[in-house]
Amino acid sequence: MEKTRARARLAGLSLAVALFSLAVRAENLQEIYDLTISSAPQMKAAEANFKAGKEALPQAEVVTIDGAGHRPEVEKKDAFVAAVKKILS
């Protein structure tokens, strides 16, 4: 139990140091966010996957539906149907 707590404290401290180092280079919260996102390995991988998909299917379109989560066809049905109709027309 103590090892788990010590690891959690160390992880929290590491995160605080990382955020502080970003804050030193940033002038505002938006810049800290942008620096964090640009250095996140998951974001780099997602961007690489997006670019690979775009190259494989150059005719594809990306549509963003505000307020939708993982199930836009259920959560925002009207907006989803309108987007699909626009793409198909």
C-alpha atoms as a PDB file:
ATOM      1  CA  MET A   1       0.000   0.000   0.000  1.00  0.00           C
ATOM      2  CA  GLU A   2       2.819   2.417   0.865  1.00  0.00           C
ATOM      3  CA  LYS A   3       4.580   1.664  -2.434  1.00  0.00           C
ATOM      4  CA  THR A   4       1.386   2.508  -4.332  1.00  0.00           C
ATOM      5  CA  ARG A   5       1.045   5.811  -2.468  1.00  0.00           C
ATOM      6  CA  ALA A   6       4.699   6.628  -3.052  1.00  0.00           C
ATOM      7  CA  ARG A   7       4.337   5.914  -6.776  1.00  0.00           C
ATOM      8  CA  ALA A   8       1.203   8.056  -6.935  1.00  0.00           C
ATOM      9  CA  ARG A   9       3.015  10.940  -5.191  1.00  0.00           C
ATOM     10  CA  LEU A  10       5.973  10.560  -7.541  1.00  0.00           C
ATOM     11  CA  ALA A  11       3.676  10.552 -10.574  1.00  0.00           C
ATOM     12  CA  GLY A  12       1.901  13.661  -9.276  1.00  0.00           C
ATOM     13  CA  LEU A  13       5.209  15.387  -8.652  1.00  0.00           C
ATOM     14  CA  SER A  14       6.434  14.454 -12.132  1.00  0.00           C
ATOM     15  CA  LEU A  15       3.277  15.894 -13.658  1.00  0.00           C
ATOM     16  CA  ALA A  16       3.625  19.079 -11.614  1.00  0.00           C
ATOM     17  CA  VAL A  17       7.230  19.508 -12.738  1.00  0.00           C
ATOM     18  CA  ALA A  18       6.282  18.905 -16.367  1.00  0.00           C
ATOM     19  CA  LEU A  19       3.433  21.411 -16.203  1.00  0.00           C
ATOM     20  CA  PHE A  20       5.652  23.935 -14.414  1.00  0.00           C
ATOM     21  CA  SER A  21       8.302  23.615 -17.120  1.00  0.00           C
ATOM     22  CA  LEU A  22       5.619  24.267 -19.738  1.00  0.00           C
ATOM     23  CA  ALA A  23       4.282  27.214 -17.738  1.00  0.00           C
ATOM     24  CA  VAL A  24       7.737  28.793 -17.656  1.00  0.00           C
ATOM     25  CA  ARG A  25       7.755  28.826 -21.471  1.00  0.00           C
ATOM     26  CA  ALA A  26       4.101  29.843 -21.852  1.00  0.00           C
ATOM     27  CA  GLU A  27       2.490  33.218 -21.393  1.00  0.00           C
ATOM     28  CA  ASN A  28      -1.094  32.072 -20.840  1.00  0.00           C
ATOM     29  CA  LEU A  29      -3.237  29.034 -20.155  1.00  0.00           C
ATOM     30  CA  GLN A  30      -4.059  28.500 -23.847  1.00  0.00           C
ATOM     31  CA  GLU A  31      -0.375  28.349 -24.674  1.00  0.00           C
ATOM     32  CA  ILE A  32       0.203  25.811 -21.865  1.00  0.00           C
ATOM     33  CA  TYR A  33      -2.621  23.690 -23.290  1.00  0.00           C
ATOM     34  CA  ASP A  34      -1.212  23.958 -26.827  1.00  0.00           C
ATOM     35  CA  LEU A  35       2.287  23.000 -25.639  1.00  0.00           C
ATOM     36  CA  THR A  36       0.907  20.051 -23.687  1.00  0.00           C
ATOM     37  CA  ILE A  37      -1.134  18.762 -26.626  1.00  0.00           C
ATOM     38  CA  SER A  38       1.717  19.211 -29.096  1.00  0.00           C
ATOM     39  CA  SER A  39       4.085  17.179 -26.912  1.00  0.00           C
ATOM     40  CA  ALA A  40       1.660  14.373 -25.977  1.00  0.00           C
ATOM     41  CA  PRO A  41       2.616  11.039 -27.592  1.00  0.00           C
ATOM     42  CA  GLN A  42      -1.056  10.053 -27.977  1.00  0.00           C
ATOM     43  CA  MET A  43      -1.785  13.244 -29.912  1.00  0.00           C
ATOM     44  CA  LYS A  44       1.220  12.688 -32.174  1.00  0.00           C
ATOM     45  CA  ALA A  45       0.055   9.127 -32.871  1.00  0.00           C
ATOM     46  CA  ALA A  46      -3.507  10.281 -33.552  1.00  0.00           C
ATOM     47  CA  GLU A  47      -2.252  12.959 -35.939  1.00  0.00           C
ATOM     48  CA  ALA A  48      -0.081  10.411 -37.769  1.00  0.00           C
ATOM     49  CA  ASN A  49      -3.081   8.069 -38.101  1.00  0.00           C
ATOM     50  CA  PHE A  50      -5.235  10.917 -39.385  1.00  0.00           C
ATOM     51  CA  LYS A  51      -2.641  11.877 -41.995  1.00  0.00           C
ATOM     52  CA  ALA A  52      -2.237   8.248 -43.106  1.00  0.00           C
ATOM     53  CA  GLY A  53      -5.998   7.895 -43.478  1.00  0.00           C
ATOM     54  CA  LYS A  54      -6.193  11.151 -45.400  1.00  0.00           C
ATOM     55  CA  GLU A  55      -3.507   9.939 -47.810  1.00  0.00           C
ATOM     56  CA  ALA A  56      -5.226   6.563 -48.247  1.00  0.00           C
ATOM     57  CA  LEU A  57      -8.644   8.160 -48.845  1.00  0.00           C
ATOM     58  CA  PRO A  58      -8.035  11.643 -50.289  1.00  0.00           C
ATOM     59  CA  GLN A  59     -11.727  12.047 -51.168  1.00  0.00           C
ATOM     60  CA  ALA A  60     -12.800  11.565 -47.532  1.00  0.00           C
ATOM     61  CA  GLU A  61     -14.308  14.430 -45.537  1.00  0.00           C
ATOM     62  CA  VAL A  62     -14.169  15.113 -41.826  1.00  0.00           C
ATOM     63  CA  VAL A  63     -17.363  16.487 -40.302  1.00  0.00           C
ATOM     64  CA  THR A  64     -17.543  17.735 -36.732  1.00  0.00           C
ATOM     65  CA  ILE A  65     -20.911  17.648 -35.011  1.00  0.00           C
ATOM     66  CA  ASP A  66     -20.931  19.938 -31.980  1.00  0.00           C
ATOM     67  CA  GLY A  67     -22.148  18.321 -28.796  1.00  0.00           C
ATOM     68  CA  ALA A  68     -21.864  14.765 -30.123  1.00  0.00           C
ATOM     69  CA  GLY A  69     -19.796  12.102 -28.437  1.00  0.00           C
ATOM     70  CA  HIS A  70     -19.139   8.558 -29.593  1.00  0.00           C
ATOM     71  CA  ARG A  71     -22.645   8.042 -31.017  1.00  0.00           C
ATOM     72  CA  PRO A  72     -23.493  11.090 -33.151  1.00  0.00           C
ATOM     73  CA  GLU A  73     -26.130   9.092 -35.058  1.00  0.00           C
ATOM     74  CA  VAL A  74     -28.017   8.752 -31.767  1.00  0.00           C
ATOM     75  CA  GLU A  75     -27.036  11.877 -29.819  1.00  0.00           C
ATOM     76  CA  LYS A  76     -27.436  14.401 -32.657  1.00  0.00           C
ATOM     77  CA  LYS A  77     -29.475  12.448 -35.183  1.00  0.00           C
ATOM     78  CA  ASP A  78     -30.682  15.456 -37.243  1.00  0.00           C
ATOM     79  CA  ALA A  79     -27.195  16.928 -37.584  1.00  0.00           C
ATOM     80  CA  PHE A  80     -25.783  13.498 -38.435  1.00  0.00           C
ATOM     81  CA  VAL A  81     -28.379  12.851 -41.151  1.00  0.00           C
ATOM     82  CA  ALA A  82     -27.836  16.361 -42.589  1.00  0.00           C
ATOM     83  CA  ALA A  83     -24.059  15.781 -42.725  1.00  0.00           C
ATOM     84  CA  VAL A  84     -24.461  12.423 -44.450  1.00  0.00           C
ATOM     85  CA  LYS A  85     -26.930  13.865 -46.974  1.00  0.00           C
ATOM     86  CA  LYS A  86     -24.546  16.731 -47.737  1.00  0.00           C
ATOM     87  CA  ILE A  87     -21.673  14.310 -48.343  1.00  0.00           C
ATOM     88  CA  LEU A  88     -23.794  12.039 -50.542  1.00  0.00           C
ATOM     89  CA  SER A  89     -25.272  14.835 -52.644  1.00  0.00           C
END
